[in-house]
Amino acid sequence: MPEQGALHLAEHWLSVGQPDRALDALTRLHGPEALTEPAFMVRLTALHDLGRHDEVEVAGESAIERVGPLPRLLAMIGSSRRSLGRLDAAERAYLQGLAQDPQDVLLLCWYARLCLEVGQDAKAEKLVERAASHDPDSSLVHSARALIAYARGQDAELLRATREGLRHDPNDAAAHYLYGIAAANRGQLGAAARSLGRAAAENPGDRDLVEAAREVRTEAHPLLRPLWPIHRFGVLPVWLGAVAVFLGLRAAGARGPATIVGLVWGVYCLYSWVMPPIVRRLRRRLR
């Protein structure tokens, strides 16, 4: 295969989410073709996507010696350093890249993600807004906004940001995961089950994610729909509401209705304790 064809093939495998095949295709490049900017970018991106972050650093240093400290190379190096827990070194890479191209959306959004990890959500928000001013429809911008909302516990904003992100990229597993978390927090269990299911299908090796998707599917079962108030508002607010209604009726002299409320509440509590384990057993038998 001609070497230029090998590079195109590597780029194709990378674009369809098969970085291991991209690296295999790159082995067919020799001489100057293996030392070009596109070849380095494919190699670093593939190694990054495979989680081989130590190798990204080595390959990145070699690339910088050959083609210079390009912003995209520095973005990959910074991201891998962040994944390895070398946050200060990651920040240096991001800042070096932004010094060359202050408008690079990838660098801005990945630097924002680093800021979130160290609790600098205000700085992260400013970086994302800078990125949005250059490319408001970028999936990177929507993803970064979703992460900021997630860090701040803003479920309504998280739903909006992930919904917008999924409109541009319906297969974004991270967006499906965050949308599912926000939907579950707001008691939208059907939507949560669908989104977490999609995220789990994209990451079948993530046991925690797969188990979370199964748990939400269980909670969304029709037999557990009466428990929606607990999922939406929490056990304590629902309990306090029931007690308030009971005591209010008693104080008003409506002992009959108060007795009915007490009985219904007792049955509801029993239902909330007994029915979830039954549904889980039924689902395990049907798998």
Protein backbone atom coordinates (compact mmCIF):
# COMPACT_ATOMS: atom_id res chain seq x y z
CA MET A 1 0.00 0.00 0.00
CA PRO A 2 1.38 3.48 -0.84
CA GLU A 3 2.41 5.38 2.27
CA GLN A 4 -0.05 8.20 1.64
CA GLY A 5 -2.79 5.56 1.43
CA ALA A 6 -1.62 4.14 4.75
CA LEU A 7 -2.00 7.55 6.39
CA HIS A 8 -5.50 7.99 4.96
CA LEU A 9 -6.40 4.52 6.21
CA ALA A 10 -5.08 5.37 9.68
CA GLU A 11 -7.14 8.57 9.69
CA HIS A 12 -10.21 6.56 8.65
CA TRP A 13 -9.81 4.01 11.45
CA LEU A 14 -9.38 6.85 13.93
CA SER A 15 -12.54 8.60 12.69
CA VAL A 16 -14.65 5.45 13.19
CA GLY A 17 -13.40 4.85 16.74
CA GLN A 18 -10.82 2.12 16.12
CA PRO A 19 -7.54 3.66 17.31
CA ASP A 20 -5.80 0.28 17.54
CA ARG A 21 -6.26 -0.23 13.80
CA ALA A 22 -5.09 3.33 13.18
CA LEU A 23 -1.81 2.55 14.94
CA ASP A 24 -1.48 -0.64 12.92
CA ALA A 25 -1.93 1.31 9.68
CA LEU A 26 0.75 3.79 10.77
CA THR A 27 3.32 0.97 10.96
CA ARG A 28 3.23 0.94 7.15
CA LEU A 29 4.64 4.46 7.04
CA HIS A 30 8.41 4.76 6.64
CA GLY A 31 10.94 7.52 6.30
CA PRO A 32 9.79 11.15 6.02
CA GLU A 33 6.09 10.19 5.71
CA ALA A 34 6.14 8.79 9.24
CA LEU A 35 7.49 12.08 10.59
CA THR A 36 4.89 14.49 9.22
CA GLU A 37 2.46 16.51 11.29
CA PRO A 38 -0.62 14.45 10.20
CA ALA A 39 1.13 11.19 11.08
CA PHE A 40 2.15 12.48 14.50
CA MET A 41 -1.37 13.75 15.18
CA VAL A 42 -2.96 10.40 14.28
CA ARG A 43 -0.44 8.54 16.45
CA LEU A 44 -0.93 10.78 19.48
CA THR A 45 -4.70 10.80 19.15
CA ALA A 46 -4.85 7.02 18.81
CA LEU A 47 -2.58 6.48 21.84
CA HIS A 48 -4.65 9.02 23.79
CA ASP A 49 -7.93 7.30 22.89
CA LEU A 50 -6.49 3.93 23.96
CA GLY A 51 -5.49 5.37 27.34
CA ARG A 52 -1.78 4.79 26.72
CA HIS A 53 -0.93 8.13 28.28
CA ASP A 54 2.74 7.46 29.11
CA GLU A 55 3.33 6.74 25.43
CA VAL A 56 1.54 9.95 24.45
CA GLU A 57 4.14 11.97 26.36
CA VAL A 58 7.06 10.19 24.67
CA ALA A 59 5.52 10.40 21.20
CA GLY A 60 4.54 14.01 21.82
CA GLU A 61 8.09 15.06 22.70
CA SER A 62 9.34 13.37 19.53
CA ALA A 63 6.67 15.15 17.50
CA ILE A 64 7.55 18.55 18.96
CA GLU A 65 11.22 18.02 18.05
CA ARG A 66 10.19 17.36 14.44
CA VAL A 67 7.28 19.70 13.73
CA GLY A 68 7.35 22.15 16.65
CA PRO A 69 5.05 22.75 19.64
CA LEU A 70 1.77 22.78 17.73
CA PRO A 71 -1.37 23.54 19.79
CA ARG A 72 -3.06 20.22 19.01
CA LEU A 73 0.03 18.24 19.99
CA LEU A 74 0.19 20.15 23.27
CA ALA A 75 -3.52 19.50 23.84
CA MET A 76 -2.96 15.73 23.62
CA ILE A 77 0.08 15.91 25.88
CA GLY A 78 -1.81 18.04 28.42
CA SER A 79 -4.79 15.70 28.45
CA SER A 80 -2.60 12.64 29.00
CA ARG A 81 -0.72 14.37 31.81
CA ARG A 82 -4.07 15.21 33.41
CA SER A 83 -5.15 11.57 33.17
CA LEU A 84 -1.89 10.57 34.86
CA GLY A 85 -2.57 13.02 37.70
CA ARG A 86 0.23 15.40 36.69
CA LEU A 87 -2.01 18.44 36.84
CA ASP A 88 0.67 21.15 37.02
CA ALA A 89 2.46 19.70 33.99
CA ALA A 90 -0.85 19.43 32.15
CA GLU A 91 -1.59 23.08 32.82
CA ARG A 92 1.82 24.07 31.44
CA ALA A 93 1.08 22.20 28.22
CA TYR A 94 -2.32 23.84 27.86
CA LEU A 95 -0.94 27.32 28.52
CA GLN A 96 1.90 26.76 26.07
CA GLY A 97 -0.63 25.79 23.41
CA LEU A 98 -2.94 28.72 24.17
CA ALA A 99 0.00 31.13 23.98
CA GLN A 100 0.26 30.14 20.31
CA ASP A 101 -3.46 29.98 19.57
CA PRO A 102 -5.67 31.67 22.21
CA GLN A 103 -8.78 30.69 20.23
CA ASP A 104 -8.20 26.93 20.06
CA VAL A 105 -11.51 25.45 21.24
CA LEU A 106 -10.03 22.06 22.14
CA LEU A 107 -7.35 23.59 24.34
CA LEU A 108 -9.81 25.97 26.01
CA CYS A 109 -12.33 23.22 26.82
CA TRP A 110 -9.74 20.71 28.00
CA TYR A 111 -8.10 23.37 30.16
CA ALA A 112 -11.56 24.11 31.60
CA ARG A 113 -11.92 20.44 32.47
CA LEU A 114 -8.61 20.58 34.32
CA CYS A 115 -9.80 23.67 36.23
CA LEU A 116 -12.92 21.78 37.31
CA GLU A 117 -10.78 19.00 38.77
CA VAL A 118 -9.09 21.47 41.12
CA GLY A 119 -12.33 23.24 42.06
CA GLN A 120 -11.90 26.33 39.88
CA ASP A 121 -15.36 26.24 38.31
CA ALA A 122 -15.53 30.03 37.77
CA LYS A 123 -12.28 29.95 35.78
CA ALA A 124 -13.54 26.90 33.88
CA GLU A 125 -16.72 28.77 32.96
CA LYS A 126 -14.74 31.73 31.59
CA LEU A 127 -12.60 29.41 29.46
CA VAL A 128 -15.69 27.69 28.06
CA GLU A 129 -17.35 31.00 27.24
CA ARG A 130 -14.18 32.02 25.38
CA ALA A 131 -14.42 28.80 23.40
CA ALA A 132 -18.12 29.38 22.73
CA SER A 133 -17.43 32.85 21.37
CA HIS A 134 -15.34 31.19 18.63
CA ASP A 135 -17.42 28.06 18.01
CA PRO A 136 -20.79 28.08 19.84
CA ASP A 137 -21.98 24.84 18.23
CA SER A 138 -18.91 22.80 19.14
CA SER A 139 -19.64 19.53 20.92
CA LEU A 140 -16.62 20.31 23.11
CA VAL A 141 -18.34 23.46 24.35
CA HIS A 142 -21.59 21.64 25.16
CA SER A 143 -19.67 18.87 26.92
CA ALA A 144 -17.67 21.35 29.00
CA ARG A 145 -20.81 23.26 29.97
CA ALA A 146 -22.40 19.99 31.04
CA LEU A 147 -19.40 19.14 33.23
CA ILE A 148 -19.57 22.56 34.89
CA ALA A 149 -23.28 22.10 35.61
CA TYR A 150 -22.57 18.60 36.95
CA ALA A 151 -19.84 19.92 39.26
CA ARG A 152 -22.20 22.59 40.57
CA GLY A 153 -25.13 20.19 41.02
CA GLN A 154 -27.27 22.20 38.57
CA ASP A 155 -29.46 19.43 37.19
CA ALA A 156 -31.68 21.70 35.07
CA GLU A 157 -28.64 23.28 33.37
CA LEU A 158 -27.03 19.85 33.01
CA LEU A 159 -30.12 18.55 31.23
CA ARG A 160 -30.14 21.55 28.90
CA ALA A 161 -26.43 21.34 28.08
CA THR A 162 -26.41 17.60 27.47
CA ARG A 163 -29.60 17.79 25.42
CA GLU A 164 -27.98 20.41 23.22
CA GLY A 165 -24.81 18.36 22.96
CA LEU A 166 -26.73 15.24 21.96
CA ARG A 167 -28.55 17.23 19.30
CA HIS A 168 -25.17 17.80 17.62
CA ASP A 169 -23.72 14.36 18.44
CA PRO A 170 -26.39 11.71 19.25
CA ASN A 171 -23.69 9.09 19.91
CA ASP A 172 -21.77 11.00 22.59
CA ALA A 173 -21.55 8.42 25.40
CA ALA A 174 -20.35 10.96 27.98
CA ALA A 175 -23.31 13.23 27.22
CA HIS A 176 -25.72 10.30 27.53
CA TYR A 177 -24.20 9.44 30.91
CA LEU A 178 -24.49 12.98 32.26
CA TYR A 179 -28.00 13.38 30.87
CA GLY A 180 -29.00 10.11 32.54
CA ILE A 181 -27.62 11.24 35.90
CA ALA A 182 -29.44 14.58 35.72
CA ALA A 183 -32.69 12.97 34.59
CA ALA A 184 -32.52 10.43 37.42
CA ASN A 185 -31.93 13.21 39.96
CA ARG A 186 -35.08 14.94 38.72
CA GLY A 187 -37.17 11.76 38.84
CA GLN A 188 -37.28 11.34 35.04
CA LEU A 189 -36.45 7.66 35.31
CA GLY A 190 -37.58 6.60 31.84
CA ALA A 191 -35.31 9.16 30.16
CA ALA A 192 -32.52 8.31 32.60
CA ALA A 193 -32.78 4.60 31.82
CA ARG A 194 -32.61 5.23 28.06
CA SER A 195 -29.59 7.54 28.27
CA LEU A 196 -27.62 5.45 30.75
CA GLY A 197 -28.44 2.40 28.63
CA ARG A 198 -26.93 4.12 25.58
CA ALA A 199 -23.85 5.12 27.56
CA ALA A 200 -23.42 1.56 28.89
CA ALA A 201 -23.80 0.13 25.38
CA GLU A 202 -20.93 2.36 24.23
CA ASN A 203 -18.78 1.33 27.24
CA PRO A 204 -19.63 -2.32 28.00
CA GLY A 205 -16.38 -2.76 29.92
CA ASP A 206 -17.30 -0.10 32.50
CA ARG A 207 -18.90 -2.25 35.21
CA ASP A 208 -19.99 0.69 37.36
CA LEU A 209 -21.75 2.31 34.42
CA VAL A 210 -23.42 -0.94 33.36
CA GLU A 211 -24.63 -1.52 36.93
CA ALA A 212 -25.92 2.07 37.19
CA ALA A 213 -27.87 1.60 33.95
CA ARG A 214 -29.40 -1.63 35.29
CA GLU A 215 -30.34 0.01 38.58
CA VAL A 216 -32.10 2.91 36.87
CA ARG A 217 -33.94 0.50 34.54
CA THR A 218 -35.14 -1.28 37.67
CA GLU A 219 -36.28 1.98 39.27
CA ALA A 220 -38.13 2.88 36.05
CA HIS A 221 -40.15 -0.36 36.16
CA PRO A 222 -43.94 0.22 36.07
CA LEU A 223 -44.38 -1.49 39.44
CA LEU A 224 -42.12 1.12 41.04
CA ARG A 225 -43.77 4.19 39.53
CA PRO A 226 -45.61 4.93 42.80
CA LEU A 227 -42.19 5.61 44.31
CA TRP A 228 -41.57 8.53 41.93
CA PRO A 229 -41.96 11.20 44.68
CA ILE A 230 -39.12 9.59 46.64
CA HIS A 231 -36.84 9.61 43.60
CA ARG A 232 -37.75 13.19 42.73
CA PHE A 233 -37.75 14.83 46.16
CA GLY A 234 -35.96 12.37 48.45
CA VAL A 235 -37.13 10.26 51.38
CA LEU A 236 -37.01 12.97 54.05
CA PRO A 237 -39.09 15.62 52.22
CA VAL A 238 -41.74 13.03 51.31
CA TRP A 239 -41.82 11.73 54.89
CA LEU A 240 -42.10 15.26 56.31
CA GLY A 241 -44.89 16.06 53.84
CA ALA A 242 -46.88 13.01 54.89
CA VAL A 243 -46.39 13.80 58.60
CA ALA A 244 -47.43 17.42 58.01
CA VAL A 245 -50.65 16.34 56.28
CA PHE A 246 -51.41 13.83 59.05
CA LEU A 247 -50.79 16.31 61.89
CA GLY A 248 -52.66 19.07 60.04
CA LEU A 249 -55.75 16.91 59.72
CA ARG A 250 -55.51 15.88 63.37
CA ALA A 251 -55.19 19.49 64.47
CA ALA A 252 -58.24 20.40 62.39
CA GLY A 253 -60.27 17.69 64.13
CA ALA A 254 -60.53 15.54 60.98
CA ARG A 255 -59.60 12.31 62.72
CA GLY A 256 -61.19 10.06 60.09
CA PRO A 257 -59.22 11.50 57.15
CA ALA A 258 -56.10 11.62 59.33
CA THR A 259 -56.49 7.90 60.08
CA ILE A 260 -56.85 7.17 56.36
CA VAL A 261 -53.73 9.21 55.58
CA GLY A 262 -51.83 7.33 58.30
CA LEU A 263 -52.91 3.96 56.92
CA VAL A 264 -52.09 4.92 53.33
CA TRP A 265 -48.69 6.19 54.43
CA GLY A 266 -47.99 2.95 56.28
CA VAL A 267 -48.90 0.89 53.20
CA TYR A 268 -46.79 3.17 51.03
CA CYS A 269 -43.77 2.73 53.31
CA LEU A 270 -44.23 -1.05 53.26
CA TYR A 271 -44.52 -0.96 49.46
CA SER A 272 -41.30 1.07 49.18
CA TRP A 273 -39.44 -1.50 51.28
CA VAL A 274 -40.85 -4.70 49.75
CA MET A 275 -41.41 -3.97 46.06
CA PRO A 276 -37.90 -2.91 44.88
CA PRO A 277 -36.27 -6.24 45.90
CA ILE A 278 -39.10 -8.14 44.23
CA VAL A 279 -38.66 -6.20 40.99
CA ARG A 280 -34.89 -6.77 41.07
CA ARG A 281 -35.40 -10.52 41.44
CA LEU A 282 -37.89 -10.52 38.56
CA ARG A 283 -35.46 -8.65 36.33
CA ARG A 284 -32.60 -11.03 37.17
CA ARG A 285 -34.77 -14.03 36.20
CA LEU A 286 -35.72 -12.40 32.90
CA ARG A 287 -32.12 -11.61 31.88
